[in-house]
Amino acid sequence: MAYWFNVSTGVVEDDTDRSPADRLMGPFDTRAAAEQALAHAKENTQRWDDEDKEWDHRGLED
């Protein structure tokens, strides 16, 4: 079964009670992973921002 994080309600849903896709993050393999969806997205965004800054900095050195 897949799990989804509803960004509108902050509630984890499964395939039996899934909301429209425009409100969901997922699918996730476990309920626990879905519960961490926002934290994981924040971590990814921060890592990508840091990588972009590093890339930009390297470009300035050339």
C-alpha atoms as a PDB file:
ATOM      1  CA  MET A   1       0.000   0.000   0.000  1.00  0.00           C
ATOM      2  CA  ALA A   2       1.180   3.527  -0.755  1.00  0.00           C
ATOM      3  CA  TYR A   3       0.996   6.472   1.633  1.00  0.00           C
ATOM      4  CA  TRP A   4       0.589  10.146   0.804  1.00  0.00           C
ATOM      5  CA  PHE A   5       1.091  13.393   2.727  1.00  0.00           C
ATOM      6  CA  ASN A   6      -1.715  15.887   2.286  1.00  0.00           C
ATOM      7  CA  VAL A   7      -0.143  19.360   2.304  1.00  0.00           C
ATOM      8  CA  SER A   8      -3.522  21.030   2.854  1.00  0.00           C
ATOM      9  CA  THR A   9      -4.492  19.081   5.968  1.00  0.00           C
ATOM     10  CA  GLY A  10      -1.122  17.832   7.224  1.00  0.00           C
ATOM     11  CA  VAL A  11      -2.559  14.317   7.415  1.00  0.00           C
ATOM     12  CA  VAL A  12      -1.111  11.090   6.005  1.00  0.00           C
ATOM     13  CA  GLU A  13      -3.496   9.269   3.691  1.00  0.00           C
ATOM     14  CA  ASP A  14      -3.411   5.870   2.054  1.00  0.00           C
ATOM     15  CA  ASP A  15      -4.876   4.611  -1.189  1.00  0.00           C
ATOM     16  CA  THR A  16      -8.252   4.041   0.435  1.00  0.00           C
ATOM     17  CA  ASP A  17      -8.829   7.689   1.354  1.00  0.00           C
ATOM     18  CA  ARG A  18      -6.563   9.569  -1.028  1.00  0.00           C
ATOM     19  CA  SER A  19      -7.324  13.209  -1.825  1.00  0.00           C
ATOM     20  CA  PRO A  20      -6.827  14.842  -5.241  1.00  0.00           C
ATOM     21  CA  ALA A  21      -3.224  14.721  -6.439  1.00  0.00           C
ATOM     22  CA  ASP A  22      -2.712  18.494  -6.322  1.00  0.00           C
ATOM     23  CA  ARG A  23      -2.826  18.316  -2.512  1.00  0.00           C
ATOM     24  CA  LEU A  24      -0.472  15.362  -2.094  1.00  0.00           C
ATOM     25  CA  MET A  25       3.199  14.538  -1.762  1.00  0.00           C
ATOM     26  CA  GLY A  26       4.141  10.950  -2.450  1.00  0.00           C
ATOM     27  CA  PRO A  27       3.777   8.106  -2.833  1.00  0.00           C
ATOM     28  CA  PHE A  28       5.764   6.788   0.115  1.00  0.00           C
ATOM     29  CA  ASP A  29       6.326   3.159   1.064  1.00  0.00           C
ATOM     30  CA  THR A  30       5.565   3.671   4.752  1.00  0.00           C
ATOM     31  CA  ARG A  31       3.360   5.863   6.894  1.00  0.00           C
ATOM     32  CA  ALA A  32       6.463   7.052   8.755  1.00  0.00           C
ATOM     33  CA  ALA A  33       8.103   8.205   5.525  1.00  0.00           C
ATOM     34  CA  ALA A  34       4.956  10.104   4.534  1.00  0.00           C
ATOM     35  CA  GLU A  35       4.866  11.776   7.955  1.00  0.00           C
ATOM     36  CA  GLN A  36       8.372  13.111   7.260  1.00  0.00           C
ATOM     37  CA  ALA A  37       7.526  14.420   3.769  1.00  0.00           C
ATOM     38  CA  LEU A  38       7.838  18.119   4.584  1.00  0.00           C
ATOM     39  CA  ALA A  39      11.043  17.687   6.571  1.00  0.00           C
ATOM     40  CA  HIS A  40      12.545  15.632   3.751  1.00  0.00           C
ATOM     41  CA  ALA A  41      11.506  18.233   1.166  1.00  0.00           C
ATOM     42  CA  LYS A  42      13.071  20.990   3.287  1.00  0.00           C
ATOM     43  CA  GLU A  43      16.323  19.017   3.555  1.00  0.00           C
ATOM     44  CA  ASN A  44      16.400  18.463  -0.218  1.00  0.00           C
ATOM     45  CA  THR A  45      15.728  22.134  -0.924  1.00  0.00           C
ATOM     46  CA  GLN A  46      18.516  23.230   1.421  1.00  0.00           C
ATOM     47  CA  ARG A  47      20.965  20.744  -0.109  1.00  0.00           C
ATOM     48  CA  TRP A  48      20.079  21.864  -3.645  1.00  0.00           C
ATOM     49  CA  ASP A  49      20.415  25.529  -2.678  1.00  0.00           C
ATOM     50  CA  ASP A  50      23.843  24.821  -1.189  1.00  0.00           C
ATOM     51  CA  GLU A  51      24.877  22.928  -4.341  1.00  0.00           C
ATOM     52  CA  ASP A  52      23.693  25.837  -6.514  1.00  0.00           C
ATOM     53  CA  LYS A  53      25.726  28.307  -4.445  1.00  0.00           C
ATOM     54  CA  GLU A  54      28.802  26.091  -4.741  1.00  0.00           C
ATOM     55  CA  TRP A  55      28.281  25.781  -8.507  1.00  0.00           C
ATOM     56  CA  ASP A  56      27.911  29.560  -8.852  1.00  0.00           C
ATOM     57  CA  HIS A  57      31.023  30.143  -6.750  1.00  0.00           C
ATOM     58  CA  ARG A  58      33.094  27.771  -8.871  1.00  0.00           C
ATOM     59  CA  GLY A  59      31.948  29.599 -11.994  1.00  0.00           C
ATOM     60  CA  LEU A  60      33.252  32.877 -10.610  1.00  0.00           C
ATOM     61  CA  GLU A  61      36.722  31.400 -10.071  1.00  0.00           C
ATOM     62  CA  ASP A  62      37.230  30.489 -13.734  1.00  0.00           C
END
